[in-house]
Amino acid sequence: QVQLQESGGGLVQPGGSLRLSCAVSGRMFSIYEMGWYRQAPGKQRELVASLTVGGKINYLDSVKGRFTISGDMANKVLYLQMNSLKPEDTAVYYCNAASGLGISWGQGTQVTVSS
């Protein structure tokens, strides 16, 4: 099993920045892809950014140029740096890991962008 724990969410004004962290534990050796998803009220969960062990990165079109996904394997942490935040970025953000054991999800962290 892979366990994931997000942190770093909060309330920020439009144009501000936040950095989300996802602490990873468990059977990490089997992970081949990790990502950040988000779900706004009344909307479906959507992929925000993903990172494969081979280094391939994908972003949701609406966050390109503003968000950056990165991994610190030594400290077992996945990050999502979010800059130039907009009210439409408001959502619960979830960390996700795909491994040979299946798909794992964190509990989520709330990000609210509002003045």
C-alpha atoms as a PDB file:
ATOM      1  CA  GLN A   1       0.000   0.000   0.000  1.00  0.00           C
ATOM      2  CA  VAL A   2       0.948   3.607  -0.586  1.00  0.00           C
ATOM      3  CA  GLN A   3      -0.152   6.283   1.896  1.00  0.00           C
ATOM      4  CA  LEU A   4      -0.467   9.948   0.960  1.00  0.00           C
ATOM      5  CA  GLN A   5      -0.947  13.015   3.167  1.00  0.00           C
ATOM      6  CA  GLU A   6      -1.486  16.482   1.721  1.00  0.00           C
ATOM      7  CA  SER A   7      -0.752  19.792   3.424  1.00  0.00           C
ATOM      8  CA  GLY A   8      -0.319  23.428   2.516  1.00  0.00           C
ATOM      9  CA  GLY A   9      -3.815  24.475   1.565  1.00  0.00           C
ATOM     10  CA  GLY A  10      -5.487  27.611   2.829  1.00  0.00           C
ATOM     11  CA  LEU A  11      -7.056  30.934   1.974  1.00  0.00           C
ATOM     12  CA  VAL A  12      -5.188  33.205  -0.405  1.00  0.00           C
ATOM     13  CA  GLN A  13      -6.046  36.366  -2.313  1.00  0.00           C
ATOM     14  CA  PRO A  14      -6.231  36.379  -6.116  1.00  0.00           C
ATOM     15  CA  GLY A  15      -2.738  36.643  -7.550  1.00  0.00           C
ATOM     16  CA  GLY A  16      -1.217  34.969  -4.529  1.00  0.00           C
ATOM     17  CA  SER A  17       0.754  31.756  -4.203  1.00  0.00           C
ATOM     18  CA  LEU A  18       0.574  28.508  -2.281  1.00  0.00           C
ATOM     19  CA  ARG A  19       2.711  25.399  -2.213  1.00  0.00           C
ATOM     20  CA  LEU A  20       1.000  22.090  -1.600  1.00  0.00           C
ATOM     21  CA  SER A  21       2.948  19.137  -0.245  1.00  0.00           C
ATOM     22  CA  CYS A  22       2.143  15.440  -0.371  1.00  0.00           C
ATOM     23  CA  ALA A  23       4.047  13.195   2.016  1.00  0.00           C
ATOM     24  CA  VAL A  24       4.426   9.686   0.631  1.00  0.00           C
ATOM     25  CA  SER A  25       4.919   6.524   2.655  1.00  0.00           C
ATOM     26  CA  GLY A  26       4.515   2.803   2.203  1.00  0.00           C
ATOM     27  CA  ARG A  27       5.586   0.746  -0.787  1.00  0.00           C
ATOM     28  CA  MET A  28       6.971   3.608  -2.848  1.00  0.00           C
ATOM     29  CA  PHE A  29       9.152   1.401  -5.046  1.00  0.00           C
ATOM     30  CA  SER A  30       6.096   0.381  -7.077  1.00  0.00           C
ATOM     31  CA  ILE A  31       4.953   3.946  -7.904  1.00  0.00           C
ATOM     32  CA  TYR A  32       5.165   4.839 -11.595  1.00  0.00           C
ATOM     33  CA  GLU A  33       3.154   8.073 -11.676  1.00  0.00           C
ATOM     34  CA  MET A  34       1.961  10.727  -9.239  1.00  0.00           C
ATOM     35  CA  GLY A  35      -0.312  13.662  -9.649  1.00  0.00           C
ATOM     36  CA  TRP A  36      -2.474  16.382  -8.204  1.00  0.00           C
ATOM     37  CA  TYR A  37      -6.209  16.460  -8.796  1.00  0.00           C
ATOM     38  CA  ARG A  38      -8.814  18.961  -7.684  1.00  0.00           C
ATOM     39  CA  GLN A  39     -12.542  18.986  -7.173  1.00  0.00           C
ATOM     40  CA  ALA A  40     -14.625  22.122  -6.905  1.00  0.00           C
ATOM     41  CA  PRO A  41     -18.154  22.078  -5.450  1.00  0.00           C
ATOM     42  CA  GLY A  42     -20.615  20.626  -7.955  1.00  0.00           C
ATOM     43  CA  LYS A  43     -17.867  19.676 -10.398  1.00  0.00           C
ATOM     44  CA  GLN A  44     -16.064  16.486 -11.306  1.00  0.00           C
ATOM     45  CA  ARG A  45     -12.582  15.784 -10.057  1.00  0.00           C
ATOM     46  CA  GLU A  46      -9.997  16.840 -12.637  1.00  0.00           C
ATOM     47  CA  LEU A  47      -6.309  16.221 -13.162  1.00  0.00           C
ATOM     48  CA  VAL A  48      -4.251  19.340 -12.470  1.00  0.00           C
ATOM     49  CA  ALA A  49      -0.718  18.021 -12.979  1.00  0.00           C
ATOM     50  CA  SER A  50       1.032  14.677 -13.227  1.00  0.00           C
ATOM     51  CA  LEU A  51       4.600  13.434 -13.075  1.00  0.00           C
ATOM     52  CA  THR A  52       5.907  10.029 -14.154  1.00  0.00           C
ATOM     53  CA  VAL A  53       9.013   8.305 -12.815  1.00  0.00           C
ATOM     54  CA  GLY A  54      10.472   8.853 -16.280  1.00  0.00           C
ATOM     55  CA  GLY A  55      10.100  12.604 -15.841  1.00  0.00           C
ATOM     56  CA  LYS A  56       7.118  13.216 -18.141  1.00  0.00           C
ATOM     57  CA  ILE A  57       4.964  16.086 -16.873  1.00  0.00           C
ATOM     58  CA  ASN A  58       1.455  17.064 -17.879  1.00  0.00           C
ATOM     59  CA  TYR A  59      -0.631  20.060 -16.845  1.00  0.00           C
ATOM     60  CA  LEU A  60      -4.235  21.052 -17.136  1.00  0.00           C
ATOM     61  CA  ASP A  61      -4.378  23.777 -19.788  1.00  0.00           C
ATOM     62  CA  SER A  62      -5.808  26.354 -17.393  1.00  0.00           C
ATOM     63  CA  VAL A  63      -2.851  26.050 -14.987  1.00  0.00           C
ATOM     64  CA  LYS A  64       0.001  25.952 -17.504  1.00  0.00           C
ATOM     65  CA  GLY A  65       2.535  28.641 -16.742  1.00  0.00           C
ATOM     66  CA  ARG A  66       1.164  29.141 -13.226  1.00  0.00           C
ATOM     67  CA  PHE A  67       1.531  25.759 -11.493  1.00  0.00           C
ATOM     68  CA  THR A  68       4.618  23.585 -11.190  1.00  0.00           C
ATOM     69  CA  ILE A  69       4.696  19.955 -10.068  1.00  0.00           C
ATOM     70  CA  SER A  70       7.882  18.516  -8.629  1.00  0.00           C
ATOM     71  CA  GLY A  71       9.084  15.604  -6.546  1.00  0.00           C
ATOM     72  CA  ASP A  72      11.688  15.255  -3.808  1.00  0.00           C
ATOM     73  CA  MET A  73      12.324  11.550  -3.711  1.00  0.00           C
ATOM     74  CA  ALA A  74      14.955  11.803  -0.981  1.00  0.00           C
ATOM     75  CA  ASN A  75      12.367  13.278   1.396  1.00  0.00           C
ATOM     76  CA  LYS A  76       9.441  11.390  -0.159  1.00  0.00           C
ATOM     77  CA  VAL A  77       7.411  14.500  -0.941  1.00  0.00           C
ATOM     78  CA  LEU A  78       5.459  15.620  -4.000  1.00  0.00           C
ATOM     79  CA  TYR A  79       4.898  19.356  -4.409  1.00  0.00           C
ATOM     80  CA  LEU A  80       2.557  21.602  -6.334  1.00  0.00           C
ATOM     81  CA  GLN A  81       3.707  25.211  -6.509  1.00  0.00           C
ATOM     82  CA  MET A  82       0.743  27.395  -7.408  1.00  0.00           C
ATOM     83  CA  ASN A  83       1.320  30.995  -8.487  1.00  0.00           C
ATOM     84  CA  SER A  84      -0.994  33.712  -9.824  1.00  0.00           C
ATOM     85  CA  LEU A  85      -3.937  31.980  -8.206  1.00  0.00           C
ATOM     86  CA  LYS A  86      -7.427  32.737  -9.468  1.00  0.00           C
ATOM     87  CA  PRO A  87     -10.828  32.323  -7.807  1.00  0.00           C
ATOM     88  CA  GLU A  88     -11.548  29.478 -10.227  1.00  0.00           C
ATOM     89  CA  ASP A  89      -8.657  27.538  -8.694  1.00  0.00           C
ATOM     90  CA  THR A  90     -10.723  27.167  -5.529  1.00  0.00           C
ATOM     91  CA  ALA A  91     -11.172  23.463  -4.837  1.00  0.00           C
ATOM     92  CA  VAL A  92     -10.117  20.556  -2.684  1.00  0.00           C
ATOM     93  CA  TYR A  93      -6.765  19.357  -3.979  1.00  0.00           C
ATOM     94  CA  TYR A  94      -5.900  15.667  -3.816  1.00  0.00           C
ATOM     95  CA  CYS A  95      -2.608  13.863  -4.164  1.00  0.00           C
ATOM     96  CA  ASN A  96      -2.690  10.676  -6.236  1.00  0.00           C
ATOM     97  CA  ALA A  97      -0.266   7.821  -6.825  1.00  0.00           C
ATOM     98  CA  ALA A  98      -0.454   5.037  -9.378  1.00  0.00           C
ATOM     99  CA  SER A  99       1.529   1.920  -8.585  1.00  0.00           C
ATOM    100  CA  GLY A 100       1.565  -1.779  -9.198  1.00  0.00           C
ATOM    101  CA  LEU A 101      -0.669  -2.070  -6.149  1.00  0.00           C
ATOM    102  CA  GLY A 102      -3.360   0.203  -7.576  1.00  0.00           C
ATOM    103  CA  ILE A 103      -4.414   3.833  -7.168  1.00  0.00           C
ATOM    104  CA  SER A 104      -3.961   5.684  -3.885  1.00  0.00           C
ATOM    105  CA  TRP A 105      -5.493   8.986  -2.786  1.00  0.00           C
ATOM    106  CA  GLY A 106      -4.824  11.416  -0.007  1.00  0.00           C
ATOM    107  CA  GLN A 107      -7.528  13.006   2.122  1.00  0.00           C
ATOM    108  CA  GLY A 108      -7.330  16.311   0.286  1.00  0.00           C
ATOM    109  CA  THR A 109      -6.510  19.882   1.261  1.00  0.00           C
ATOM    110  CA  GLN A 110      -8.765  22.890   0.707  1.00  0.00           C
ATOM    111  CA  VAL A 111      -7.528  25.792  -1.410  1.00  0.00           C
ATOM    112  CA  THR A 112      -9.678  28.917  -1.410  1.00  0.00           C
ATOM    113  CA  VAL A 113      -8.822  31.893  -3.590  1.00  0.00           C
ATOM    114  CA  SER A 114     -10.839  34.913  -2.575  1.00  0.00           C
ATOM    115  CA  SER A 115     -10.478  38.561  -1.724  1.00  0.00           C
END
